[in-house]
Structures are given as structure tokens and as C-alpha cells.
C-alpha atoms as a PDB file:
ATOM      1  CA  MET A   1     123.088 113.501  94.035  1.00  0.00           C
ATOM      2  CA  VAL A   2     122.717 111.583  90.800  1.00  0.00           C
ATOM      3  CA  ILE A   3     124.247 112.785  87.539  1.00  0.00           C
ATOM      4  CA  SER A   4     123.288 111.190  84.246  1.00  0.00           C
ATOM      5  CA  HIS A   5     124.395 111.469  80.653  1.00  0.00           C
ATOM      6  CA  GLY A   6     122.220 110.369  77.748  1.00  0.00           C
ATOM      7  CA  THR A   7     122.778 110.301  74.007  1.00  0.00           C
ATOM      8  CA  LEU A   8     120.615 109.584  71.002  1.00  0.00           C
ATOM      9  CA  THR A   9     120.741 110.273  67.266  1.00  0.00           C
ATOM     10  CA  PHE A  10     117.737 111.052  65.078  1.00  0.00           C
ATOM     11  CA  PRO A  11     117.468 110.558  61.321  1.00  0.00           C
ATOM     12  CA  ALA A  12     117.582 113.909  59.479  1.00  0.00           C
ATOM     13  CA  ALA A  13     113.911 113.596  58.450  1.00  0.00           C
ATOM     14  CA  HIS A  14     112.815 113.813  62.111  1.00  0.00           C
ATOM     15  CA  LEU A  15     115.041 116.609  63.427  1.00  0.00           C
ATOM     16  CA  GLY A  16     112.284 119.229  63.691  1.00  0.00           C
ATOM     17  CA  THR A  17     109.995 116.854  65.550  1.00  0.00           C
ATOM     18  CA  ALA A  18     112.887 115.693  67.744  1.00  0.00           C
ATOM     19  CA  ARG A  19     113.803 119.231  68.781  1.00  0.00           C
ATOM     20  CA  THR A  20     110.208 120.035  69.708  1.00  0.00           C
ATOM     21  CA  MET A  21     109.708 116.774  71.599  1.00  0.00           C
ATOM     22  CA  LEU A  22     112.985 117.000  73.529  1.00  0.00           C
ATOM     23  CA  SER A  23     112.353 120.641  74.403  1.00  0.00           C
ATOM     24  CA  GLY A  24     108.918 119.763  75.812  1.00  0.00           C
ATOM     25  CA  LEU A  25     110.294 116.787  77.709  1.00  0.00           C
ATOM     26  CA  ALA A  26     113.021 118.957  79.244  1.00  0.00           C
ATOM     27  CA  ALA A  27     110.551 121.629  80.376  1.00  0.00           C
ATOM     28  CA  GLN A  28     108.261 119.024  81.941  1.00  0.00           C
ATOM     29  CA  THR A  29     111.121 117.171  83.624  1.00  0.00           C
ATOM     30  CA  ARG A  30     112.562 120.334  85.188  1.00  0.00           C
ATOM     31  CA  SER A  31     109.267 120.784  87.074  1.00  0.00           C
ATOM     32  CA  GLU A  32     109.412 117.301  88.644  1.00  0.00           C
ATOM     33  CA  PRO A  33     110.276 116.821  92.317  1.00  0.00           C
ATOM     34  CA  GLY A  34     113.949 116.014  92.798  1.00  0.00           C
ATOM     35  CA  CYS A  35     115.101 117.341  89.418  1.00  0.00           C
ATOM     36  CA  LEU A  36     117.985 119.754  89.919  1.00  0.00           C
ATOM     37  CA  SER A  37     118.877 120.171  86.244  1.00  0.00           C
ATOM     38  CA  TYR A  38     117.778 118.730  82.887  1.00  0.00           C
ATOM     39  CA  LEU A  39     119.536 120.024  79.783  1.00  0.00           C
ATOM     40  CA  VAL A  40     119.241 118.920  76.172  1.00  0.00           C
ATOM     41  CA  SER A  41     122.008 119.900  73.761  1.00  0.00           C
ATOM     42  CA  GLU A  42     122.518 119.239  70.096  1.00  0.00           C
ATOM     43  CA  ASN A  43     125.936 117.829  69.189  1.00  0.00           C
ATOM     44  CA  LEU A  44     127.346 120.220  66.589  1.00  0.00           C
ATOM     45  CA  GLU A  45     129.824 117.641  65.317  1.00  0.00           C
ATOM     46  CA  THR A  46     127.304 114.866  64.596  1.00  0.00           C
ATOM     47  CA  PRO A  47     124.139 115.787  62.685  1.00  0.00           C
ATOM     48  CA  GLY A  48     120.997 114.624  64.502  1.00  0.00           C
ATOM     49  CA  ALA A  49     122.842 113.732  67.721  1.00  0.00           C
ATOM     50  CA  PHE A  50     121.613 115.035  71.072  1.00  0.00           C
ATOM     51  CA  ILE A  51     123.060 114.948  74.573  1.00  0.00           C
ATOM     52  CA  ILE A  52     120.893 114.942  77.693  1.00  0.00           C
ATOM     53  CA  SER A  53     122.543 115.967  80.972  1.00  0.00           C
ATOM     54  CA  GLU A  54     120.586 115.476  84.191  1.00  0.00           C
ATOM     55  CA  GLN A  55     121.072 116.076  87.906  1.00  0.00           C
ATOM     56  CA  TRP A  56     118.715 114.573  90.475  1.00  0.00           C
ATOM     57  CA  GLU A  57     118.571 114.846  94.250  1.00  0.00           C
ATOM     58  CA  ASN A  58     118.763 111.036  94.487  1.00  0.00           C
ATOM     59  CA  MET A  59     118.286 107.822  92.510  1.00  0.00           C
ATOM     60  CA  GLU A  60     114.702 107.468  93.748  1.00  0.00           C
ATOM     61  CA  ALA A  61     113.745 110.790  92.123  1.00  0.00           C
ATOM     62  CA  MET A  62     115.349 109.737  88.841  1.00  0.00           C
ATOM     63  CA  GLN A  63     113.655 106.310  88.922  1.00  0.00           C
ATOM     64  CA  THR A  64     110.306 108.010  89.604  1.00  0.00           C
ATOM     65  CA  HIS A  65     110.890 110.200  86.544  1.00  0.00           C
ATOM     66  CA  LEU A  66     111.772 107.212  84.372  1.00  0.00           C
ATOM     67  CA  SER A  67     108.605 105.373  85.433  1.00  0.00           C
ATOM     68  CA  LEU A  68     106.249 108.205  84.406  1.00  0.00           C
ATOM     69  CA  PRO A  69     103.926 107.438  81.469  1.00  0.00           C
ATOM     70  CA  GLY A  70     105.193 110.486  79.563  1.00  0.00           C
ATOM     71  CA  VAL A  71     108.744 109.181  79.615  1.00  0.00           C
ATOM     72  CA  GLY A  72     107.631 105.804  78.311  1.00  0.00           C
ATOM     73  CA  GLU A  73     105.683 107.555  75.554  1.00  0.00           C
ATOM     74  CA  ALA A  74     108.725 109.656  74.648  1.00  0.00           C
ATOM     75  CA  VAL A  75     110.909 106.542  74.395  1.00  0.00           C
ATOM     76  CA  LYS A  76     108.260 104.946  72.166  1.00  0.00           C
ATOM     77  CA  GLN A  77     108.149 108.027  69.902  1.00  0.00           C
ATOM     78  CA  VAL A  78     111.943 108.133  69.688  1.00  0.00           C
ATOM     79  CA  THR A  79     112.045 104.480  68.664  1.00  0.00           C
ATOM     80  CA  GLU A  80     109.309 105.042  66.070  1.00  0.00           C
ATOM     81  CA  MET A  81     111.421 107.850  64.563  1.00  0.00           C
ATOM     82  CA  GLY A  82     114.231 105.363  63.940  1.00  0.00           C
ATOM     83  CA  VAL A  83     116.488 106.075  66.913  1.00  0.00           C
ATOM     84  CA  ASP A  84     118.308 102.883  67.882  1.00  0.00           C
ATOM     85  CA  ASP A  85     121.207 104.270  69.906  1.00  0.00           C
ATOM     86  CA  LEU A  86     119.509 105.730  73.009  1.00  0.00           C
ATOM     87  CA  THR A  87     121.812 105.387  76.018  1.00  0.00           C
ATOM     88  CA  ILE A  88     121.526 106.718  79.558  1.00  0.00           C
ATOM     89  CA  THR A  89     124.230 106.274  82.184  1.00  0.00           C
ATOM     90  CA  ALA A  90     123.861 107.530  85.753  1.00  0.00           C
ATOM     91  CA  TRP A  91     126.374 108.010  88.542  1.00  0.00           C
ATOM     92  CA  GLU A  92     125.707 108.583  92.202  1.00  0.00           C
ATOM     93  CA  ALA A  93     127.890 111.453  93.330  1.00  0.00           C
ATOM     94  CA  GLY A  94     128.803 112.997  96.628  1.00  0.00           C
ATOM     95  CA  GLN A  95     128.546 116.611  97.630  1.00  0.00           C
ATOM     96  CA  ALA A  96     128.990 119.083  94.776  1.00  0.00           C
ATOM     97  CA  THR A  97     132.091 121.262  94.763  1.00  0.00           C
ATOM     98  CA  LYS A  98     131.915 124.484  92.780  1.00  0.00           C
ATOM     99  CA  ILE A  99     135.182 124.919  90.882  1.00  0.00           C
ATOM    100  CA  MET A 100     134.523 128.371  89.342  1.00  0.00           C
END
């Protein structure tokens, strides 16, 4: 399993567009093969900041997702809106253990 954590911050003028775009991207991504979870959250402590949490069956599935034209277009749109702090970090994990 692969777990990833992404962050990005939008200028206030683009928040409405950002919410719509990220919501659409999340819905599309959740339908992709190998995607176990794709969640977008807004950071309540930092205006315009979003957190993307992902779980993939394996790194190949995540890399396939990242190579899709729609993902490249989304990154382009984000950059055009003035986002310059997009980060994504992924970890390969072992078997999941449910704690609660």
C-alpha cells in the first residue's frame, strides 16, 4: 500500500474555483483502478490551504494516476492560480492495522 500526503495553498481570490476543481479531481481519482482513498480537506488554521490524503494499492497505481492528462492539467491550473507550494510525499507501507 502507498500512502501520500499533499499540501497546497491558494490565493483568496481563487478559493471558490479551487474548491470546485479539487472536489472534481477527488471524485475522478476515487474511480481510478488502485485508488483506495482520496480525500481533500481544507486546513481551518491557514486560509486557502488544502491537504490531500491518498491511499493506493501500490506505487504503480499512483504513478499511473500522476501520469494522466487530467492530473497534468490540474497541476497547470493550480500553478496558473498562483499556487507555488504544492508538495506531495508518498510512503510505501505494509499491511494496514485497524486501531479502532
